[in-house]
PDB file of all heavy atoms in Angstrom:
ATOM      1  N   LEU A   1      -6.824 108.630  23.673  1.00  0.00           N
ATOM      2  CA  LEU A   1      -6.519 107.802  24.845  1.00  0.00           C
ATOM      3  C   LEU A   1      -7.765 107.102  25.388  1.00  0.00           C
ATOM      4  O   LEU A   1      -7.705 105.946  25.801  1.00  0.00           O
ATOM      5  CB  LEU A   1      -5.894 108.662  25.952  1.00  0.00           C
ATOM      6  CG  LEU A   1      -4.433 109.052  25.738  1.00  0.00           C
ATOM      7  CD1 LEU A   1      -4.033 110.163  26.704  1.00  0.00           C
ATOM      8  CD2 LEU A   1      -3.524 107.838  25.920  1.00  0.00           C
ATOM      9  N   ALA A   2      -8.874 107.813  25.365  1.00  0.00           N
ATOM     10  CA  ALA A   2     -10.112 107.256  25.914  1.00  0.00           C
ATOM     11  C   ALA A   2     -10.539 105.986  25.168  1.00  0.00           C
ATOM     12  O   ALA A   2     -11.184 105.106  25.744  1.00  0.00           O
ATOM     13  CB  ALA A   2     -11.221 108.299  25.870  1.00  0.00           C
ATOM     14  N   LEU A   3     -10.135 105.891  23.897  1.00  0.00           N
ATOM     15  CA  LEU A   3     -10.504 104.714  23.109  1.00  0.00           C
ATOM     16  C   LEU A   3      -9.618 103.497  23.418  1.00  0.00           C
ATOM     17  O   LEU A   3      -9.916 102.389  23.011  1.00  0.00           O
ATOM     18  CB  LEU A   3     -10.406 105.030  21.611  1.00  0.00           C
ATOM     19  CG  LEU A   3     -11.320 106.159  21.123  1.00  0.00           C
ATOM     20  CD1 LEU A   3     -11.016 106.499  19.676  1.00  0.00           C
ATOM     21  CD2 LEU A   3     -12.794 105.774  21.284  1.00  0.00           C
ATOM     22  N   CYS A   4      -8.514 103.726  24.161  1.00  0.00           N
ATOM     23  CA  CYS A   4      -7.554 102.646  24.422  1.00  0.00           C
ATOM     24  C   CYS A   4      -7.858 101.869  25.696  1.00  0.00           C
ATOM     25  O   CYS A   4      -7.347 100.769  25.875  1.00  0.00           O
ATOM     26  CB  CYS A   4      -6.141 103.220  24.576  1.00  0.00           C
ATOM     27  SG  CYS A   4      -5.555 104.099  23.134  1.00  0.00           S
ATOM     28  N   ASP A   5      -8.628 102.473  26.605  1.00  0.00           N
ATOM     29  CA  ASP A   5      -8.729 101.893  27.938  1.00  0.00           C
ATOM     30  C   ASP A   5     -10.040 102.339  28.587  1.00  0.00           C
ATOM     31  O   ASP A   5     -10.358 103.527  28.585  1.00  0.00           O
ATOM     32  CB  ASP A   5      -7.509 102.405  28.740  1.00  0.00           C
ATOM     33  CG  ASP A   5      -7.488 101.942  30.189  1.00  0.00           C
ATOM     34  OD1 ASP A   5      -8.238 102.511  31.003  1.00  0.00           O
ATOM     35  OD2 ASP A   5      -6.695 101.048  30.499  1.00  0.00           O
ATOM     36  N   GLU A   6     -10.773 101.380  29.129  1.00  0.00           N
ATOM     37  CA  GLU A   6     -12.095 101.698  29.701  1.00  0.00           C
ATOM     38  C   GLU A   6     -12.008 102.708  30.843  1.00  0.00           C
ATOM     39  O   GLU A   6     -12.849 103.599  30.957  1.00  0.00           O
ATOM     40  CB  GLU A   6     -12.770 100.427  30.207  1.00  0.00           C
ATOM     41  CG  GLU A   6     -13.419  99.624  29.096  1.00  0.00           C
ATOM     42  CD  GLU A   6     -13.950  98.278  29.595  1.00  0.00           C
ATOM     43  OE1 GLU A   6     -14.486  98.234  30.716  1.00  0.00           O
ATOM     44  OE2 GLU A   6     -13.801  97.293  28.858  1.00  0.00           O
ATOM     45  N   ASN A   7     -10.988 102.543  31.709  1.00  0.00           N
ATOM     46  CA  ASN A   7     -10.846 103.482  32.838  1.00  0.00           C
ATOM     47  C   ASN A   7     -10.646 104.901  32.336  1.00  0.00           C
ATOM     48  O   ASN A   7     -11.161 105.862  32.910  1.00  0.00           O
ATOM     49  CB  ASN A   7      -9.653 103.110  33.729  1.00  0.00           C
ATOM     50  CG  ASN A   7      -9.842 101.744  34.377  1.00  0.00           C
ATOM     51  OD1 ASN A   7     -10.924 101.171  34.304  1.00  0.00           O
ATOM     52  ND2 ASN A   7      -8.794 101.232  34.989  1.00  0.00           N
ATOM     53  N   LEU A   8      -9.867 105.027  31.239  1.00  0.00           N
ATOM     54  CA  LEU A   8      -9.629 106.369  30.691  1.00  0.00           C
ATOM     55  C   LEU A   8     -10.910 106.929  30.092  1.00  0.00           C
ATOM     56  O   LEU A   8     -11.195 108.128  30.214  1.00  0.00           O
ATOM     57  CB  LEU A   8      -8.513 106.324  29.639  1.00  0.00           C
ATOM     58  CG  LEU A   8      -7.113 105.939  30.143  1.00  0.00           C
ATOM     59  CD1 LEU A   8      -6.105 105.975  29.001  1.00  0.00           C
ATOM     60  CD2 LEU A   8      -6.644 106.867  31.270  1.00  0.00           C
ATOM     61  N   MET A   9     -11.691 106.070  29.468  1.00  0.00           N
ATOM     62  CA  MET A   9     -12.985 106.497  28.908  1.00  0.00           C
ATOM     63  C   MET A   9     -13.885 107.023  30.031  1.00  0.00           C
ATOM     64  O   MET A   9     -14.477 108.104  29.925  1.00  0.00           O
ATOM     65  CB  MET A   9     -13.649 105.307  28.193  1.00  0.00           C
ATOM     66  CG  MET A   9     -15.017 105.616  27.601  1.00  0.00           C
ATOM     67  SD  MET A   9     -14.944 106.821  26.236  1.00  0.00           S
ATOM     68  CE  MET A   9     -14.585 105.726  24.852  1.00  0.00           C
ATOM     69  N   ASP A  10     -13.933 106.278  31.154  1.00  0.00           N
ATOM     70  CA  ASP A  10     -14.746 106.708  32.298  1.00  0.00           C
ATOM     71  C   ASP A  10     -14.262 108.056  32.838  1.00  0.00           C
ATOM     72  O   ASP A  10     -15.064 108.940  33.142  1.00  0.00           O
ATOM     73  CB  ASP A  10     -14.701 105.663  33.431  1.00  0.00           C
ATOM     74  CG  ASP A  10     -15.359 104.349  33.006  1.00  0.00           C
ATOM     75  OD1 ASP A  10     -16.092 104.369  31.992  1.00  0.00           O
ATOM     76  OD2 ASP A  10     -15.130 103.315  33.669  1.00  0.00           O
ATOM     77  N   ARG A  11     -12.930 108.201  32.964  1.00  0.00           N
ATOM     78  CA  ARG A  11     -12.372 109.467  33.465  1.00  0.00           C
ATOM     79  C   ARG A  11     -12.727 110.620  32.544  1.00  0.00           C
ATOM     80  O   ARG A  11     -13.036 111.721  33.005  1.00  0.00           O
ATOM     81  CB  ARG A  11     -10.837 109.378  33.582  1.00  0.00           C
ATOM     82  CG  ARG A  11     -10.325 108.526  34.711  1.00  0.00           C
ATOM     83  CD  ARG A  11     -10.641 109.068  36.078  1.00  0.00           C
ATOM     84  NE  ARG A  11     -10.097 110.389  36.329  1.00  0.00           N
ATOM     85  CZ  ARG A  11     -10.606 111.276  37.183  1.00  0.00           C
ATOM     86  NH1 ARG A  11     -11.694 110.969  37.879  1.00  0.00           N
ATOM     87  NH2 ARG A  11     -10.049 112.450  37.354  1.00  0.00           N
ATOM     88  N   MET A  12     -12.671 110.375  31.246  1.00  0.00           N
ATOM     89  CA  MET A  12     -12.992 111.427  30.276  1.00  0.00           C
ATOM     90  C   MET A  12     -14.452 111.852  30.422  1.00  0.00           C
ATOM     91  O   MET A  12     -14.767 113.037  30.398  1.00  0.00           O
ATOM     92  CB  MET A  12     -12.748 110.936  28.839  1.00  0.00           C
ATOM     93  CG  MET A  12     -11.357 111.204  28.319  1.00  0.00           C
ATOM     94  SD  MET A  12     -10.940 112.954  28.199  1.00  0.00           S
ATOM     95  CE  MET A  12     -11.668 113.388  26.608  1.00  0.00           C
ATOM     96  N   LEU A  13     -15.344 110.865  30.569  1.00  0.00           N
ATOM     97  CA  LEU A  13     -16.769 111.168  30.694  1.00  0.00           C
ATOM     98  C   LEU A  13     -17.041 111.938  31.986  1.00  0.00           C
ATOM     99  O   LEU A  13     -17.857 112.853  32.021  1.00  0.00           O
ATOM    100  CB  LEU A  13     -17.600 109.882  30.635  1.00  0.00           C
ATOM    101  CG  LEU A  13     -17.529 109.136  29.291  1.00  0.00           C
ATOM    102  CD1 LEU A  13     -18.208 107.786  29.374  1.00  0.00           C
ATOM    103  CD2 LEU A  13     -18.145 109.968  28.162  1.00  0.00           C
ATOM    104  N   ASP A  14     -16.298 111.594  33.047  1.00  0.00           N
ATOM    105  CA  ASP A  14     -16.479 112.283  34.328  1.00  0.00           C
ATOM    106  C   ASP A  14     -15.852 113.671  34.327  1.00  0.00           C
ATOM    107  O   ASP A  14     -16.491 114.649  34.692  1.00  0.00           O
ATOM    108  CB  ASP A  14     -15.807 111.496  35.481  1.00  0.00           C
ATOM    109  CG  ASP A  14     -16.562 110.217  35.781  1.00  0.00           C
ATOM    110  OD1 ASP A  14     -17.678 110.070  35.256  1.00  0.00           O
ATOM    111  OD2 ASP A  14     -16.022 109.365  36.521  1.00  0.00           O
ATOM    112  N   ALA A  15     -14.556 113.719  33.960  1.00  0.00           N
ATOM    113  CA  ALA A  15     -13.782 114.945  34.186  1.00  0.00           C
ATOM    114  C   ALA A  15     -13.580 115.792  32.934  1.00  0.00           C
ATOM    115  O   ALA A  15     -13.209 116.957  33.034  1.00  0.00           O
ATOM    116  CB  ALA A  15     -12.429 114.575  34.790  1.00  0.00           C
ATOM    117  N   GLY A  16     -13.785 115.195  31.771  1.00  0.00           N
ATOM    118  CA  GLY A  16     -13.616 115.969  30.542  1.00  0.00           C
ATOM    119  C   GLY A  16     -12.169 116.056  30.071  1.00  0.00           C
ATOM    120  O   GLY A  16     -11.911 116.434  28.936  1.00  0.00           O
ATOM    121  N   GLN A  17     -11.232 115.710  30.958  1.00  0.00           N
ATOM    122  CA  GLN A  17      -9.829 115.615  30.512  1.00  0.00           C
ATOM    123  C   GLN A  17      -9.068 114.654  31.411  1.00  0.00           C
ATOM    124  O   GLN A  17      -9.546 114.272  32.467  1.00  0.00           O
ATOM    125  CB  GLN A  17      -9.162 116.988  30.467  1.00  0.00           C
ATOM    126  CG  GLN A  17      -9.074 117.691  31.804  1.00  0.00           C
ATOM    127  CD  GLN A  17      -8.231 118.963  31.671  1.00  0.00           C
ATOM    128  OE1 GLN A  17      -7.853 119.353  30.589  1.00  0.00           O
ATOM    129  NE2 GLN A  17      -7.934 119.595  32.780  1.00  0.00           N
ATOM    130  N   LEU A  18      -7.881 114.278  30.965  1.00  0.00           N
ATOM    131  CA  LEU A  18      -7.106 113.258  31.686  1.00  0.00           C
ATOM    132  C   LEU A  18      -5.884 113.860  32.350  1.00  0.00           C
ATOM    133  O   LEU A  18      -5.248 114.762  31.815  1.00  0.00           O
ATOM    134  CB  LEU A  18      -6.668 112.160  30.708  1.00  0.00           C
ATOM    135  CG  LEU A  18      -7.814 111.405  30.012  1.00  0.00           C
ATOM    136  CD1 LEU A  18      -7.271 110.504  28.914  1.00  0.00           C
ATOM    137  CD2 LEU A  18      -8.611 110.576  31.022  1.00  0.00           C
ATOM    138  N   GLN A  19      -5.569 113.330  33.539  1.00  0.00           N
ATOM    139  CA  GLN A  19      -4.371 113.749  34.278  1.00  0.00           C
ATOM    140  C   GLN A  19      -3.280 112.694  34.122  1.00  0.00           C
ATOM    141  O   GLN A  19      -3.568 111.543  33.798  1.00  0.00           O
ATOM    142  CB  GLN A  19      -4.691 113.890  35.779  1.00  0.00           C
ATOM    143  CG  GLN A  19      -5.894 114.758  36.100  1.00  0.00           C
ATOM    144  CD  GLN A  19      -5.694 116.204  35.676  1.00  0.00           C
ATOM    145  OE1 GLN A  19      -4.577 116.693  35.651  1.00  0.00           O
ATOM    146  NE2 GLN A  19      -6.793 116.872  35.309  1.00  0.00           N
ATOM    147  N   ASP A  20      -2.038 113.077  34.443  1.00  0.00           N
ATOM    148  CA  ASP A  20      -0.922 112.119  34.397  1.00  0.00           C
ATOM    149  C   ASP A  20      -1.241 110.866  35.226  1.00  0.00           C
ATOM    150  O   ASP A  20      -0.946 109.744  34.816  1.00  0.00           O
ATOM    151  CB  ASP A  20       0.372 112.744  34.961  1.00  0.00           C
ATOM    152  CG  ASP A  20       0.927 113.821  34.030  1.00  0.00           C
ATOM    153  OD1 ASP A  20       0.282 114.096  32.989  1.00  0.00           O
ATOM    154  OD2 ASP A  20       1.998 114.374  34.339  1.00  0.00           O
ATOM    155  N   ALA A  21      -1.836 111.075  36.395  1.00  0.00           N
ATOM    156  CA  ALA A  21      -2.134 109.950  37.302  1.00  0.00           C
ATOM    157  C   ALA A  21      -3.087 108.937  36.663  1.00  0.00           C
ATOM    158  O   ALA A  21      -3.074 107.757  37.015  1.00  0.00           O
ATOM    159  CB  ALA A  21      -2.727 110.474  38.605  1.00  0.00           C
ATOM    160  N   ASP A  22      -3.915 109.404  35.715  1.00  0.00           N
ATOM    161  CA  ASP A  22      -4.822 108.472  35.020  1.00  0.00           C
ATOM    162  C   ASP A  22      -4.044 107.645  33.998  1.00  0.00           C
ATOM    163  O   ASP A  22      -4.368 106.481  33.742  1.00  0.00           O
ATOM    164  CB  ASP A  22      -5.918 109.246  34.257  1.00  0.00           C
ATOM    165  CG  ASP A  22      -6.721 110.175  35.154  1.00  0.00           C
ATOM    166  OD1 ASP A  22      -7.002 109.775  36.300  1.00  0.00           O
ATOM    167  OD2 ASP A  22      -7.052 111.303  34.726  1.00  0.00           O
ATOM    168  N   LEU A  23      -3.023 108.270  33.390  1.00  0.00           N
ATOM    169  CA  LEU A  23      -2.309 107.624  32.283  1.00  0.00           C
ATOM    170  C   LEU A  23      -1.291 106.590  32.749  1.00  0.00           C
ATOM    171  O   LEU A  23      -1.067 105.599  32.068  1.00  0.00           O
ATOM    172  CB  LEU A  23      -1.581 108.689  31.445  1.00  0.00           C
ATOM    173  CG  LEU A  23      -2.459 109.808  30.884  1.00  0.00           C
ATOM    174  CD1 LEU A  23      -1.644 110.688  29.955  1.00  0.00           C
ATOM    175  CD2 LEU A  23      -3.661 109.242  30.144  1.00  0.00           C
ATOM    176  N   ILE A  24      -0.679 106.850  33.930  1.00  0.00           N
ATOM    177  CA  ILE A  24       0.415 105.970  34.384  1.00  0.00           C
ATOM    178  C   ILE A  24      -0.003 104.493  34.435  1.00  0.00           C
ATOM    179  O   ILE A  24       0.684 103.642  33.871  1.00  0.00           O
ATOM    180  CB  ILE A  24       0.992 106.479  35.730  1.00  0.00           C
ATOM    181  CG1 ILE A  24       1.749 107.797  35.475  1.00  0.00           C
ATOM    182  CG2 ILE A  24       1.920 105.455  36.374  1.00  0.00           C
ATOM    183  CD1 ILE A  24       2.134 108.572  36.721  1.00  0.00           C
ATOM    184  N   PRO A  25      -1.167 104.158  35.068  1.00  0.00           N
ATOM    185  CA  PRO A  25      -1.538 102.731  35.091  1.00  0.00           C
ATOM    186  C   PRO A  25      -1.882 102.171  33.709  1.00  0.00           C
ATOM    187  O   PRO A  25      -1.586 101.012  33.416  1.00  0.00           O
ATOM    188  CB  PRO A  25      -2.764 102.673  36.017  1.00  0.00           C
ATOM    189  CG  PRO A  25      -3.065 104.057  36.431  1.00  0.00           C
ATOM    190  CD  PRO A  25      -2.047 104.995  35.886  1.00  0.00           C
ATOM    191  N   ALA A  26      -2.478 102.982  32.848  1.00  0.00           N
ATOM    192  CA  ALA A  26      -2.848 102.498  31.510  1.00  0.00           C
ATOM    193  C   ALA A  26      -1.603 102.174  30.688  1.00  0.00           C
ATOM    194  O   ALA A  26      -1.559 101.200  29.931  1.00  0.00           O
ATOM    195  CB  ALA A  26      -3.705 103.543  30.786  1.00  0.00           C
ATOM    196  N   ILE A  27      -0.544 102.990  30.864  1.00  0.00           N
ATOM    197  CA  ILE A  27       0.721 102.744  30.158  1.00  0.00           C
ATOM    198  C   ILE A  27       1.406 101.504  30.751  1.00  0.00           C
ATOM    199  O   ILE A  27       1.893 100.640  30.015  1.00  0.00           O
ATOM    200  CB  ILE A  27       1.637 103.985  30.248  1.00  0.00           C
ATOM    201  CG1 ILE A  27       1.018 105.136  29.453  1.00  0.00           C
ATOM    202  CG2 ILE A  27       3.042 103.668  29.731  1.00  0.00           C
ATOM    203  CD1 ILE A  27       1.643 106.496  29.711  1.00  0.00           C
ATOM    204  N   ALA A  28       1.399 101.411  32.086  1.00  0.00           N
ATOM    205  CA  ALA A  28       2.036 100.268  32.755  1.00  0.00           C
ATOM    206  C   ALA A  28       1.369  98.949  32.366  1.00  0.00           C
ATOM    207  O   ALA A  28       2.026  97.910  32.287  1.00  0.00           O
ATOM    208  CB  ALA A  28       2.006 100.453  34.270  1.00  0.00           C
ATOM    209  N   ARG A  29       0.071  99.003  32.080  1.00  0.00           N
ATOM    210  CA  ARG A  29      -0.663  97.779  31.695  1.00  0.00           C
ATOM    211  C   ARG A  29      -0.572  97.495  30.196  1.00  0.00           C
ATOM    212  O   ARG A  29      -1.211  96.570  29.705  1.00  0.00           O
ATOM    213  CB  ARG A  29      -2.138  97.909  32.085  1.00  0.00           C
ATOM    214  CG  ARG A  29      -2.384  97.714  33.565  1.00  0.00           C
ATOM    215  CD  ARG A  29      -3.839  97.348  33.832  1.00  0.00           C
ATOM    216  NE  ARG A  29      -4.744  98.435  33.486  1.00  0.00           N
ATOM    217  CZ  ARG A  29      -5.146  99.363  34.356  1.00  0.00           C
ATOM    218  NH1 ARG A  29      -4.718  99.339  35.603  1.00  0.00           N
ATOM    219  NH2 ARG A  29      -5.960 100.316  33.970  1.00  0.00           N
ATOM    220  N   ARG A  30       0.185  98.350  29.471  1.00  0.00           N
ATOM    221  CA  ARG A  30       0.339  98.199  28.011  1.00  0.00           C
ATOM    222  C   ARG A  30      -0.987  98.371  27.263  1.00  0.00           C
ATOM    223  O   ARG A  30      -1.209  97.740  26.243  1.00  0.00           O
ATOM    224  CB  ARG A  30       1.000  96.844  27.658  1.00  0.00           C
ATOM    225  CG  ARG A  30       2.463  96.754  28.040  1.00  0.00           C
ATOM    226  CD  ARG A  30       3.100  95.430  27.656  1.00  0.00           C
ATOM    227  NE  ARG A  30       2.749  94.996  26.307  1.00  0.00           N
ATOM    228  CZ  ARG A  30       3.419  95.313  25.190  1.00  0.00           C
ATOM    229  NH1 ARG A  30       4.496  96.057  25.266  1.00  0.00           N
ATOM    230  NH2 ARG A  30       3.018  94.873  24.031  1.00  0.00           N
ATOM    231  N   HIS A  31      -1.857  99.245  27.780  1.00  0.00           N
ATOM    232  CA  HIS A  31      -3.061  99.598  27.012  1.00  0.00           C
ATOM    233  C   HIS A  31      -2.779 100.810  26.134  1.00  0.00           C
ATOM    234  O   HIS A  31      -3.460 101.038  25.145  1.00  0.00           O
ATOM    235  CB  HIS A  31      -4.232  99.921  27.954  1.00  0.00           C
ATOM    236  CG  HIS A  31      -4.724  98.716  28.699  1.00  0.00           C
ATOM    237  ND1 HIS A  31      -5.782  98.754  29.569  1.00  0.00           N
ATOM    238  CD2 HIS A  31      -4.297  97.421  28.699  1.00  0.00           C
ATOM    239  CE1 HIS A  31      -5.988  97.541  30.085  1.00  0.00           C
ATOM    240  NE2 HIS A  31      -5.093  96.729  29.576  1.00  0.00           N
ATOM    241  N   VAL A  32      -1.779 101.590  26.553  1.00  0.00           N
ATOM    242  CA  VAL A  32      -1.435 102.828  25.831  1.00  0.00           C
ATOM    243  C   VAL A  32       0.071 102.833  25.566  1.00  0.00           C
ATOM    244  O   VAL A  32       0.860 102.504  26.458  1.00  0.00           O
ATOM    245  CB  VAL A  32      -1.794 104.073  26.678  1.00  0.00           C
ATOM    246  CG1 VAL A  32      -1.223 105.343  26.053  1.00  0.00           C
ATOM    247  CG2 VAL A  32      -3.303 104.192  26.843  1.00  0.00           C
ATOM    248  N   PHE A  33       0.436 103.226  24.335  1.00  0.00           N
ATOM    249  CA  PHE A  33       1.855 103.361  23.961  1.00  0.00           C
ATOM    250  C   PHE A  33       2.083 104.792  23.487  1.00  0.00           C
ATOM    251  O   PHE A  33       1.766 105.126  22.350  1.00  0.00           O
ATOM    252  CB  PHE A  33       2.222 102.356  22.868  1.00  0.00           C
ATOM    253  CG  PHE A  33       1.860 100.939  23.248  1.00  0.00           C
ATOM    254  CD1 PHE A  33       0.754 100.312  22.677  1.00  0.00           C
ATOM    255  CD2 PHE A  33       2.596 100.252  24.198  1.00  0.00           C
ATOM    256  CE1 PHE A  33       0.398  99.019  23.047  1.00  0.00           C
ATOM    257  CE2 PHE A  33       2.250  98.954  24.576  1.00  0.00           C
ATOM    258  CZ  PHE A  33       1.152  98.339  23.997  1.00  0.00           C
TER     259      PHE A  33
END
């Protein structure tokens, strides 16, 4: 997921894992399927 979207990459670097709240906007923007 981190490779699909810059915001997700930043979240991964900060938090080490992703939450649902991080994924919802990336999916809505069609960066992640």
